[in-house]
Amino acid sequence: MCCQYCVSESHQYCQVQPLQQVGAKKVEDDLRNLTLEFQAIENFLLKMKSKIGDQRKQCLEEISQVRNNLQNQLENLEKKIKENISRDYEKLKSETEDTIEQIGNEKMKVQLLANKLTGLKRKGTDEQFLCTVTSTQKELRAIRRSLAEVRESRALLEKNMSVHINPTLASFNETIDSFGEVVIKSSRSIMSYSKPLGFRRTQEAVRSETNIYLKKCDTLKFPRVMRITGCARLPDGKHVFVDSHKKR
């Protein structure tokens, strides 16, 4: 809607961009960037899961090397340290698998939202598409909060499993009931992934795919005393006019 002066002087220069396309651009960027980030985190967690398995194997090999120098009472000591390693390994494995499952579920949600939006963009009405854009924005906020919780948790900390051998084994005797303990230390993650583009200010020219065509409507007659400053066409074909002369 525009005033009578804009209609007569400037309306031919107006460039209209549908509201649903303005909102859809950011939603589509968010969907793409979140998908990439979920994929990067999922790949990292799978790699870390394999790494702690290799570390477990290395720890067991270190124990075997120590065992070669111990002849008495070593079987009980070896059993104890293996149980500790297996217990902590299973704990790390379970935590990692839970995080992978969570990331996978959130990733699937993003993909489903992207597919739904793409389908409606091609075949749905403007009203359906705009409604889907609005609901998708709300769901994306919840997904981003969930992703932020994963980033701030211990799930993405680097896990390094190792065995610290008891130095007193150099003078081994029967009074020693353990030759080491399982130690798990977390270090800063070395994973690198692209941050969502939404966090960076970018200027990008977007050309509307919608072409606007003007056509002549029915000619309507009004009393001379009316001063029309606006109009709207209703879905049922009726028209509503604003008459500033009589404020109606």
Protein backbone atom coordinates (compact mmCIF):
# COMPACT_ATOMS: atom_id res chain seq x y z
CA MET A 1 0.00 0.00 0.00
CA CYS A 2 1.27 3.50 -0.78
CA CYS A 3 -0.07 7.06 -0.69
CA GLN A 4 -1.62 8.87 -3.65
CA TYR A 5 1.58 10.81 -4.36
CA CYS A 6 3.78 7.70 -4.51
CA VAL A 7 1.30 6.00 -6.80
CA SER A 8 1.36 8.82 -9.31
CA GLU A 9 5.05 9.76 -9.09
CA SER A 10 7.22 6.85 -7.98
CA HIS A 11 5.29 3.59 -8.03
CA GLN A 12 6.70 2.54 -11.39
CA TYR A 13 10.17 2.41 -9.82
CA CYS A 14 9.17 0.20 -6.86
CA GLN A 15 10.97 -3.14 -6.56
CA VAL A 16 8.94 -5.72 -4.68
CA GLN A 17 10.57 -8.66 -2.90
CA PRO A 18 8.19 -11.27 -1.44
CA LEU A 19 8.35 -11.51 2.35
CA GLN A 20 8.77 -15.29 2.34
CA GLN A 21 11.95 -15.02 0.22
CA VAL A 22 13.52 -12.54 2.61
CA GLY A 23 13.03 -14.88 5.57
CA ALA A 24 13.79 -18.03 3.57
CA LYS A 25 17.30 -16.82 2.63
CA LYS A 26 18.47 -16.81 6.26
CA VAL A 27 16.66 -20.06 7.07
CA GLU A 28 18.29 -21.80 4.11
CA ASP A 29 21.73 -20.50 5.18
CA ASP A 30 21.12 -21.72 8.75
CA LEU A 31 20.01 -25.15 7.52
CA ARG A 32 23.08 -25.51 5.30
CA ASN A 33 25.55 -24.30 7.94
CA LEU A 34 24.03 -26.38 10.76
CA THR A 35 24.15 -29.47 8.55
CA LEU A 36 27.85 -28.88 7.86
CA GLU A 37 28.62 -28.33 11.54
CA PHE A 38 26.71 -31.42 12.66
CA GLN A 39 28.56 -33.47 10.05
CA ALA A 40 31.95 -32.15 11.23
CA ILE A 41 31.17 -32.93 14.88
CA GLU A 42 29.86 -36.38 13.99
CA ASN A 43 33.02 -37.17 12.00
CA PHE A 44 35.18 -35.93 14.88
CA LEU A 45 33.35 -38.06 17.46
CA LEU A 46 33.60 -41.18 15.29
CA LYS A 47 37.33 -40.58 14.87
CA MET A 48 37.75 -40.01 18.63
CA LYS A 49 35.84 -43.24 19.34
CA SER A 50 38.30 -45.14 17.14
CA LYS A 51 41.24 -43.33 18.75
CA ILE A 52 40.35 -44.30 22.32
CA GLY A 53 40.03 -47.89 21.07
CA ASP A 54 43.59 -47.68 19.77
CA GLN A 55 44.69 -46.14 23.07
CA ARG A 56 43.07 -49.01 24.94
CA LYS A 57 45.01 -51.47 22.78
CA GLN A 58 48.25 -49.57 23.42
CA CYS A 59 47.63 -49.55 27.18
CA LEU A 60 47.11 -53.30 27.19
CA GLU A 61 50.37 -53.76 25.25
CA GLU A 62 52.23 -51.67 27.85
CA ILE A 63 50.84 -53.88 30.57
CA SER A 64 51.99 -56.97 28.70
CA GLN A 65 55.51 -55.55 28.45
CA VAL A 66 55.61 -54.99 32.21
CA ARG A 67 54.23 -58.46 32.77
CA ASN A 68 57.20 -59.99 30.98
CA ASN A 69 59.41 -58.68 33.83
CA LEU A 70 57.10 -59.91 36.55
CA GLN A 71 56.78 -63.60 37.31
CA ASN A 72 55.05 -63.70 40.67
CA GLN A 73 51.61 -62.35 41.49
CA LEU A 74 51.46 -60.62 38.09
CA GLU A 75 48.27 -62.30 36.97
CA ASN A 76 46.22 -60.70 39.78
CA LEU A 77 47.79 -57.28 39.17
CA GLU A 78 47.23 -57.55 35.42
CA LYS A 79 43.60 -58.54 35.90
CA LYS A 80 42.99 -55.55 38.16
CA ILE A 81 44.47 -52.94 35.81
CA LYS A 82 42.69 -54.48 32.80
CA GLU A 83 39.37 -54.24 34.60
CA ASN A 84 40.01 -50.57 35.34
CA ILE A 85 40.95 -49.87 31.72
CA SER A 86 37.94 -51.74 30.38
CA ARG A 87 35.63 -49.98 32.82
CA ASP A 88 36.87 -46.53 31.86
CA TYR A 89 36.99 -47.42 28.18
CA GLU A 90 33.36 -48.59 28.26
CA LYS A 91 32.41 -45.37 30.06
CA LEU A 92 34.16 -43.22 27.43
CA LYS A 93 32.69 -45.31 24.64
CA SER A 94 29.17 -45.03 26.06
CA GLU A 95 29.43 -41.25 26.53
CA THR A 96 30.77 -40.82 23.00
CA GLU A 97 28.05 -43.00 21.47
CA ASP A 98 25.36 -41.07 23.34
CA THR A 99 26.74 -37.80 21.99
CA ILE A 100 26.95 -39.25 18.47
CA GLU A 101 23.33 -40.35 18.71
CA GLN A 102 22.27 -36.90 19.94
CA ILE A 103 24.18 -35.19 17.13
CA GLY A 104 22.75 -37.61 14.60
CA ASN A 105 19.18 -36.92 15.76
CA GLU A 106 19.66 -33.16 15.58
CA LYS A 107 21.31 -33.50 12.18
CA MET A 108 18.36 -35.54 10.93
CA LYS A 109 15.96 -32.86 12.18
CA VAL A 110 17.85 -30.21 10.23
CA GLN A 111 17.83 -32.35 7.07
CA LEU A 112 14.08 -33.01 7.39
CA LEU A 113 13.42 -29.30 7.83
CA ALA A 114 15.55 -28.54 4.78
CA ASN A 115 13.71 -31.12 2.67
CA LYS A 116 10.33 -29.84 3.81
CA LEU A 117 11.26 -26.25 3.03
CA THR A 118 12.63 -27.21 -0.40
CA GLY A 119 9.49 -29.16 -1.26
CA LEU A 120 7.14 -26.35 -0.29
CA LYS A 121 9.30 -23.82 -2.10
CA ARG A 122 8.72 -25.74 -5.32
CA LYS A 123 5.14 -26.96 -4.97
CA GLY A 124 3.51 -25.23 -2.00
CA THR A 125 1.55 -22.02 -1.92
CA ASP A 126 3.06 -18.75 -0.70
CA GLU A 127 1.03 -19.00 2.51
CA GLN A 128 2.25 -22.57 3.18
CA PHE A 129 5.83 -21.60 2.43
CA LEU A 130 5.75 -18.54 4.70
CA CYS A 131 4.15 -20.55 7.51
CA THR A 132 6.84 -23.24 7.15
CA VAL A 133 9.62 -20.62 7.19
CA THR A 134 8.25 -19.20 10.45
CA SER A 135 7.90 -22.60 12.16
CA THR A 136 11.34 -23.68 10.90
CA GLN A 137 12.95 -20.60 12.46
CA LYS A 138 11.52 -21.59 15.86
CA GLU A 139 12.75 -25.16 15.56
CA LEU A 140 16.19 -23.99 14.47
CA ARG A 141 16.50 -21.86 17.62
CA ALA A 142 15.91 -24.97 19.74
CA ILE A 143 18.42 -26.98 17.68
CA ARG A 144 21.05 -24.24 18.02
CA ARG A 145 20.56 -24.22 21.81
CA SER A 146 21.06 -27.99 21.88
CA LEU A 147 24.20 -27.63 19.76
CA ALA A 148 25.55 -24.93 22.08
CA GLU A 149 25.13 -27.30 25.04
CA VAL A 150 27.17 -29.95 23.22
CA ARG A 151 29.94 -27.44 22.52
CA GLU A 152 30.08 -26.34 26.18
CA SER A 153 30.00 -29.87 27.60
CA ARG A 154 32.93 -32.27 28.01
CA ALA A 155 31.78 -34.27 24.98
CA LEU A 156 34.14 -32.52 22.55
CA LEU A 157 37.20 -32.56 24.80
CA GLU A 158 40.04 -34.70 23.51
CA LYS A 159 40.22 -38.02 25.42
CA ASN A 160 43.66 -39.57 25.99
CA MET A 161 43.82 -42.91 27.78
CA SER A 162 47.17 -43.96 29.21
CA VAL A 163 48.67 -46.08 31.97
CA HIS A 164 51.04 -44.62 34.56
CA ILE A 165 53.33 -47.40 35.71
CA ASN A 166 54.15 -47.48 39.40
CA PRO A 167 57.89 -46.62 39.74
CA THR A 168 58.25 -48.89 42.77
CA LEU A 169 58.08 -51.87 40.41
CA ALA A 170 61.84 -51.49 40.01
CA SER A 171 62.13 -53.18 43.42
CA PHE A 172 59.09 -55.40 43.07
CA ASN A 173 57.98 -57.39 46.10
CA GLU A 174 54.90 -59.20 47.28
CA THR A 175 53.62 -56.24 49.30
CA ILE A 176 52.75 -54.32 46.12
CA ASP A 177 49.08 -54.81 45.21
CA SER A 178 49.05 -52.67 42.04
CA PHE A 179 51.59 -51.55 39.45
CA GLY A 180 49.67 -48.69 37.92
CA GLU A 181 46.40 -46.89 37.56
CA VAL A 182 44.22 -45.87 34.66
CA VAL A 183 44.40 -42.13 33.98
CA ILE A 184 42.14 -40.27 31.58
CA LYS A 185 42.92 -36.63 30.88
CA SER A 186 40.87 -34.23 28.79
CA SER A 187 42.59 -31.68 26.63
CA ARG A 188 41.29 -28.91 24.40
CA SER A 189 39.68 -30.27 21.27
CA ILE A 190 41.71 -30.02 18.08
CA MET A 191 38.62 -30.39 15.94
CA SER A 192 38.14 -27.64 13.39
CA TYR A 193 34.82 -26.96 11.78
CA SER A 194 33.30 -24.05 9.94
CA LYS A 195 31.21 -21.75 12.08
CA PRO A 196 27.75 -20.82 10.80
CA LEU A 197 27.84 -17.99 8.31
CA GLY A 198 25.09 -16.33 10.29
CA PHE A 199 27.72 -15.20 12.81
CA ARG A 200 29.51 -13.14 10.17
CA ARG A 201 28.11 -10.08 8.55
CA THR A 202 28.04 -10.58 4.82
CA GLN A 203 26.56 -8.49 2.09
CA GLU A 204 25.09 -10.48 -0.72
CA ALA A 205 22.91 -9.28 -3.54
CA VAL A 206 19.74 -11.32 -3.75
CA ARG A 207 17.58 -11.03 -6.85
CA SER A 208 13.96 -11.95 -6.48
CA GLU A 209 12.79 -14.85 -8.62
CA THR A 210 9.28 -13.44 -8.67
CA ASN A 211 8.35 -11.30 -11.66
CA ILE A 212 5.75 -8.58 -11.06
CA TYR A 213 3.31 -7.90 -13.89
CA LEU A 214 0.81 -5.02 -13.92
CA LYS A 215 -2.58 -5.43 -15.49
CA LYS A 216 -5.63 -3.24 -15.80
CA CYS A 217 -8.39 -3.99 -13.30
CA ASP A 218 -12.07 -3.20 -13.44
CA THR A 219 -12.93 0.49 -13.60
CA LEU A 220 -14.72 1.65 -10.45
CA LYS A 221 -16.67 4.88 -10.04
CA PHE A 222 -16.72 6.89 -6.80
CA PRO A 223 -18.39 10.10 -5.64
CA ARG A 224 -16.29 13.22 -6.18
CA VAL A 225 -16.17 14.02 -2.47
CA MET A 226 -14.16 10.86 -1.73
CA ARG A 227 -10.42 11.07 -1.21
CA ILE A 228 -8.97 7.56 -1.53
CA THR A 229 -5.58 7.08 0.16
CA GLY A 230 -5.35 3.30 0.11
CA CYS A 231 -7.00 0.09 -1.03
CA ALA A 232 -6.73 -3.67 -0.58
CA ARG A 233 -8.20 -6.60 -2.50
CA LEU A 234 -9.63 -9.36 -0.30
CA PRO A 235 -9.36 -13.09 -1.17
CA ASP A 236 -13.08 -13.22 -1.97
CA GLY A 237 -12.67 -10.59 -4.71
CA LYS A 238 -14.06 -7.66 -2.73
CA HIS A 239 -12.13 -4.40 -2.30
CA VAL A 240 -11.59 -2.24 0.79
CA PHE A 241 -10.82 1.48 0.29
CA VAL A 242 -9.61 4.14 2.74
CA ASP A 243 -11.52 7.42 2.43
CA SER A 244 -9.64 10.17 4.29
CA HIS A 245 -12.38 12.71 3.46
CA LYS A 246 -14.93 11.15 5.76
CA LYS A 247 -12.44 9.04 7.73
CA ARG A 248 -13.97 5.71 6.83
